[in-house]
Amino acid sequence: MDHINENETQVVNPELFEILANAEDDVRSGRTAPMKESFDELRKRLSEK
């Protein structure tokens, strides 16, 4: 098992909480799309290149 020291935890947690807070805000504000739709669009863009 990997060991994470206390300093690494202090740096990672604020960043993780910010990402999660932004994600929750996106969901509440309707700025999300179904996963299938997102992957279909990604496949379409990749096939155009």
PDB file of N, CA and C in Angstrom:
ATOM      1  N   MET A   1       0.846  -1.171   0.000  1.00  0.00           N
ATOM      2  CA  MET A   1       0.000   0.000   0.000  1.00  0.00           C
ATOM      3  C   MET A   1       0.891   1.233   0.000  1.00  0.00           C
ATOM      4  N   ASP A   2       0.549   2.222  -0.821  1.00  0.00           N
ATOM      5  CA  ASP A   2       1.307   3.466  -0.876  1.00  0.00           C
ATOM      6  C   ASP A   2       1.015   4.307   0.359  1.00  0.00           C
ATOM      7  N   HIS A   3       2.048   5.003   0.774  1.00  0.00           N
ATOM      8  CA  HIS A   3       1.898   5.879   1.936  1.00  0.00           C
ATOM      9  C   HIS A   3       1.849   7.328   1.465  1.00  0.00           C
ATOM     10  N   ILE A   4       0.852   8.057   1.877  1.00  0.00           N
ATOM     11  CA  ILE A   4       0.730   9.476   1.553  1.00  0.00           C
ATOM     12  C   ILE A   4       1.022  10.259   2.824  1.00  0.00           C
ATOM     13  N   ASN A   5       2.032  11.128   2.760  1.00  0.00           N
ATOM     14  CA  ASN A   5       2.351  11.881   3.971  1.00  0.00           C
ATOM     15  C   ASN A   5       1.363  13.021   4.171  1.00  0.00           C
ATOM     16  N   GLU A   6       1.401  13.608   5.356  1.00  0.00           N
ATOM     17  CA  GLU A   6       0.423  14.630   5.723  1.00  0.00           C
ATOM     18  C   GLU A   6       0.510  15.856   4.820  1.00  0.00           C
ATOM     19  N   ASN A   7       1.703  16.253   4.402  1.00  0.00           N
ATOM     20  CA  ASN A   7       1.846  17.417   3.530  1.00  0.00           C
ATOM     21  C   ASN A   7       1.168  17.196   2.191  1.00  0.00           C
ATOM     22  N   GLU A   8       1.294  16.007   1.608  1.00  0.00           N
ATOM     23  CA  GLU A   8       0.639  15.706   0.335  1.00  0.00           C
ATOM     24  C   GLU A   8      -0.874  15.765   0.491  1.00  0.00           C
ATOM     25  N   THR A   9      -1.384  15.272   1.592  1.00  0.00           N
ATOM     26  CA  THR A   9      -2.820  15.272   1.844  1.00  0.00           C
ATOM     27  C   THR A   9      -3.348  16.697   1.942  1.00  0.00           C
ATOM     28  N   GLN A  10      -2.608  17.581   2.575  1.00  0.00           N
ATOM     29  CA  GLN A  10      -3.038  18.960   2.714  1.00  0.00           C
ATOM     30  C   GLN A  10      -3.090  19.670   1.367  1.00  0.00           C
ATOM     31  N   VAL A  11      -2.237  19.290   0.433  1.00  0.00           N
ATOM     32  CA  VAL A  11      -2.227  19.918  -0.880  1.00  0.00           C
ATOM     33  C   VAL A  11      -3.338  19.357  -1.749  1.00  0.00           C
ATOM     34  N   VAL A  12      -3.558  18.060  -1.704  1.00  0.00           N
ATOM     35  CA  VAL A  12      -4.527  17.406  -2.566  1.00  0.00           C
ATOM     36  C   VAL A  12      -5.965  17.725  -2.159  1.00  0.00           C
ATOM     37  N   ASN A  13      -6.270  17.712  -0.910  1.00  0.00           N
ATOM     38  CA  ASN A  13      -7.647  17.870  -0.471  1.00  0.00           C
ATOM     39  C   ASN A  13      -8.296  19.180  -0.906  1.00  0.00           C
ATOM     40  N   PRO A  14      -7.646  20.343  -0.766  1.00  0.00           N
ATOM     41  CA  PRO A  14      -8.312  21.570  -1.235  1.00  0.00           C
ATOM     42  C   PRO A  14      -8.596  21.534  -2.733  1.00  0.00           C
ATOM     43  N   GLU A  15      -7.677  20.972  -3.508  1.00  0.00           N
ATOM     44  CA  GLU A  15      -7.901  20.878  -4.949  1.00  0.00           C
ATOM     45  C   GLU A  15      -9.064  19.946  -5.252  1.00  0.00           C
ATOM     46  N   LEU A  16      -9.123  18.821  -4.569  1.00  0.00           N
ATOM     47  CA  LEU A  16     -10.202  17.867  -4.780  1.00  0.00           C
ATOM     48  C   LEU A  16     -11.545  18.478  -4.391  1.00  0.00           C
ATOM     49  N   PHE A  17     -11.588  19.165  -3.258  1.00  0.00           N
ATOM     50  CA  PHE A  17     -12.838  19.786  -2.822  1.00  0.00           C
ATOM     51  C   PHE A  17     -13.291  20.854  -3.804  1.00  0.00           C
ATOM     52  N   GLU A  18     -12.357  21.594  -4.385  1.00  0.00           N
ATOM     53  CA  GLU A  18     -12.721  22.612  -5.372  1.00  0.00           C
ATOM     54  C   GLU A  18     -13.315  21.973  -6.618  1.00  0.00           C
ATOM     55  N   ILE A  19     -12.706  20.874  -7.076  1.00  0.00           N
ATOM     56  CA  ILE A  19     -13.221  20.150  -8.244  1.00  0.00           C
ATOM     57  C   ILE A  19     -14.630  19.621  -7.960  1.00  0.00           C
ATOM     58  N   LEU A  20     -14.817  19.027  -6.789  1.00  0.00           N
ATOM     59  CA  LEU A  20     -16.125  18.484  -6.432  1.00  0.00           C
ATOM     60  C   LEU A  20     -17.177  19.586  -6.300  1.00  0.00           C
ATOM     61  N   ALA A  21     -16.796  20.715  -5.725  1.00  0.00           N
ATOM     62  CA  ALA A  21     -17.738  21.830  -5.591  1.00  0.00           C
ATOM     63  C   ALA A  21     -18.138  22.350  -6.962  1.00  0.00           C
ATOM     64  N   ASN A  22     -17.176  22.459  -7.867  1.00  0.00           N
ATOM     65  CA  ASN A  22     -17.491  22.917  -9.223  1.00  0.00           C
ATOM     66  C   ASN A  22     -18.398  21.918  -9.934  1.00  0.00           C
ATOM     67  N   ALA A  23     -18.155  20.640  -9.731  1.00  0.00           N
ATOM     68  CA  ALA A  23     -18.984  19.608 -10.361  1.00  0.00           C
ATOM     69  C   ALA A  23     -20.411  19.671  -9.831  1.00  0.00           C
ATOM     70  N   GLU A  24     -20.566  19.833  -8.530  1.00  0.00           N
ATOM     71  CA  GLU A  24     -21.909  19.952  -7.959  1.00  0.00           C
ATOM     72  C   GLU A  24     -22.631  21.168  -8.518  1.00  0.00           C
ATOM     73  N   ASP A  25     -21.913  22.270  -8.664  1.00  0.00           N
ATOM     74  CA  ASP A  25     -22.508  23.485  -9.226  1.00  0.00           C
ATOM     75  C   ASP A  25     -22.950  23.249 -10.662  1.00  0.00           C
ATOM     76  N   ASP A  26     -22.136  22.527 -11.440  1.00  0.00           N
ATOM     77  CA  ASP A  26     -22.503  22.201 -12.817  1.00  0.00           C
ATOM     78  C   ASP A  26     -23.790  21.387 -12.863  1.00  0.00           C
ATOM     79  N   VAL A  27     -23.909  20.400 -11.986  1.00  0.00           N
ATOM     80  CA  VAL A  27     -25.110  19.557 -11.952  1.00  0.00           C
ATOM     81  C   VAL A  27     -26.329  20.400 -11.578  1.00  0.00           C
ATOM     82  N   ARG A  28     -26.207  21.209 -10.530  1.00  0.00           N
ATOM     83  CA  ARG A  28     -27.334  22.053 -10.098  1.00  0.00           C
ATOM     84  C   ARG A  28     -27.760  23.043 -11.175  1.00  0.00           C
ATOM     85  N   SER A  29     -26.795  23.505 -11.971  1.00  0.00           N
ATOM     86  CA  SER A  29     -27.078  24.516 -12.996  1.00  0.00           C
ATOM     87  C   SER A  29     -27.431  23.917 -14.349  1.00  0.00           C
ATOM     88  N   GLY A  30     -27.491  22.585 -14.416  1.00  0.00           N
ATOM     89  CA  GLY A  30     -27.884  21.929 -15.657  1.00  0.00           C
ATOM     90  C   GLY A  30     -26.807  21.948 -16.737  1.00  0.00           C
ATOM     91  N   ARG A  31     -25.549  22.097 -16.337  1.00  0.00           N
ATOM     92  CA  ARG A  31     -24.455  22.122 -17.315  1.00  0.00           C
ATOM     93  C   ARG A  31     -23.825  20.740 -17.452  1.00  0.00           C
ATOM     94  N   THR A  32     -24.669  19.749 -17.568  1.00  0.00           N
ATOM     95  CA  THR A  32     -24.186  18.379 -17.740  1.00  0.00           C
ATOM     96  C   THR A  32     -24.931  17.744 -18.914  1.00  0.00           C
ATOM     97  N   ALA A  33     -24.360  16.676 -19.424  1.00  0.00           N
ATOM     98  CA  ALA A  33     -24.993  15.947 -20.523  1.00  0.00           C
ATOM     99  C   ALA A  33     -24.903  14.456 -20.212  1.00  0.00           C
ATOM    100  N   PRO A  34     -25.820  13.663 -20.757  1.00  0.00           N
ATOM    101  CA  PRO A  34     -25.733  12.216 -20.552  1.00  0.00           C
ATOM    102  C   PRO A  34     -24.391  11.685 -21.062  1.00  0.00           C
ATOM    103  N   MET A  35     -23.862  10.696 -20.357  1.00  0.00           N
ATOM    104  CA  MET A  35     -22.562  10.128 -20.711  1.00  0.00           C
ATOM    105  C   MET A  35     -22.542   9.621 -22.144  1.00  0.00           C
ATOM    106  N   LYS A  36     -23.584   8.935 -22.581  1.00  0.00           N
ATOM    107  CA  LYS A  36     -23.627   8.405 -23.943  1.00  0.00           C
ATOM    108  C   LYS A  36     -23.506   9.535 -24.956  1.00  0.00           C
ATOM    109  N   GLU A  37     -24.218  10.624 -24.715  1.00  0.00           N
ATOM    110  CA  GLU A  37     -24.167  11.769 -25.620  1.00  0.00           C
ATOM    111  C   GLU A  37     -22.749  12.348 -25.679  1.00  0.00           C
ATOM    112  N   SER A  38     -22.103  12.444 -24.537  1.00  0.00           N
ATOM    113  CA  SER A  38     -20.738  12.980 -24.486  1.00  0.00           C
ATOM    114  C   SER A  38     -19.762  12.102 -25.262  1.00  0.00           C
ATOM    115  N   PHE A  39     -19.854  10.788 -25.076  1.00  0.00           N
ATOM    116  CA  PHE A  39     -18.944   9.885 -25.781  1.00  0.00           C
ATOM    117  C   PHE A  39     -19.252   9.820 -27.275  1.00  0.00           C
ATOM    118  N   ASP A  40     -20.516   9.898 -27.639  1.00  0.00           N
ATOM    119  CA  ASP A  40     -20.862   9.933 -29.064  1.00  0.00           C
ATOM    120  C   ASP A  40     -20.245  11.159 -29.736  1.00  0.00           C
ATOM    121  N   GLU A  41     -20.318  12.299 -29.067  1.00  0.00           N
ATOM    122  CA  GLU A  41     -19.730  13.532 -29.607  1.00  0.00           C
ATOM    123  C   GLU A  41     -18.207  13.416 -29.700  1.00  0.00           C
ATOM    124  N   LEU A  42     -17.598  12.828 -28.689  1.00  0.00           N
ATOM    125  CA  LEU A  42     -16.147  12.638 -28.700  1.00  0.00           C
ATOM    126  C   LEU A  42     -15.734  11.724 -29.854  1.00  0.00           C
ATOM    127  N   ARG A  43     -16.447  10.628 -30.049  1.00  0.00           N
ATOM    128  CA  ARG A  43     -16.141   9.712 -31.163  1.00  0.00           C
ATOM    129  C   ARG A  43     -16.272  10.438 -32.510  1.00  0.00           C
ATOM    130  N   LYS A  44     -17.322  11.238 -32.636  1.00  0.00           N
ATOM    131  CA  LYS A  44     -17.550  11.982 -33.875  1.00  0.00           C
ATOM    132  C   LYS A  44     -16.385  12.925 -34.148  1.00  0.00           C
ATOM    133  N   ARG A  45     -15.948  13.658 -33.136  1.00  0.00           N
ATOM    134  CA  ARG A  45     -14.834  14.608 -33.302  1.00  0.00           C
ATOM    135  C   ARG A  45     -13.540  13.886 -33.640  1.00  0.00           C
ATOM    136  N   LEU A  46     -13.309  12.762 -33.001  1.00  0.00           N
ATOM    137  CA  LEU A  46     -12.074  12.015 -33.270  1.00  0.00           C
ATOM    138  C   LEU A  46     -12.063  11.411 -34.666  1.00  0.00           C
ATOM    139  N   SER A  47     -13.214  10.999 -35.156  1.00  0.00           N
ATOM    140  CA  SER A  47     -13.261  10.392 -36.483  1.00  0.00           C
ATOM    141  C   SER A  47     -13.112  11.443 -37.595  1.00  0.00           C
ATOM    142  N   GLU A  48     -13.366  12.705 -37.268  1.00  0.00           N
ATOM    143  CA  GLU A  48     -13.221  13.786 -38.253  1.00  0.00           C
ATOM    144  C   GLU A  48     -11.758  14.148 -38.493  1.00  0.00           C
ATOM    145  N   LYS A  49     -10.881  13.763 -37.603  1.00  0.00           N
ATOM    146  CA  LYS A  49      -9.460  14.130 -37.731  1.00  0.00           C
ATOM    147  C   LYS A  49      -8.680  13.162 -38.560  1.00  0.00           C
TER     148      LYS A  49
END
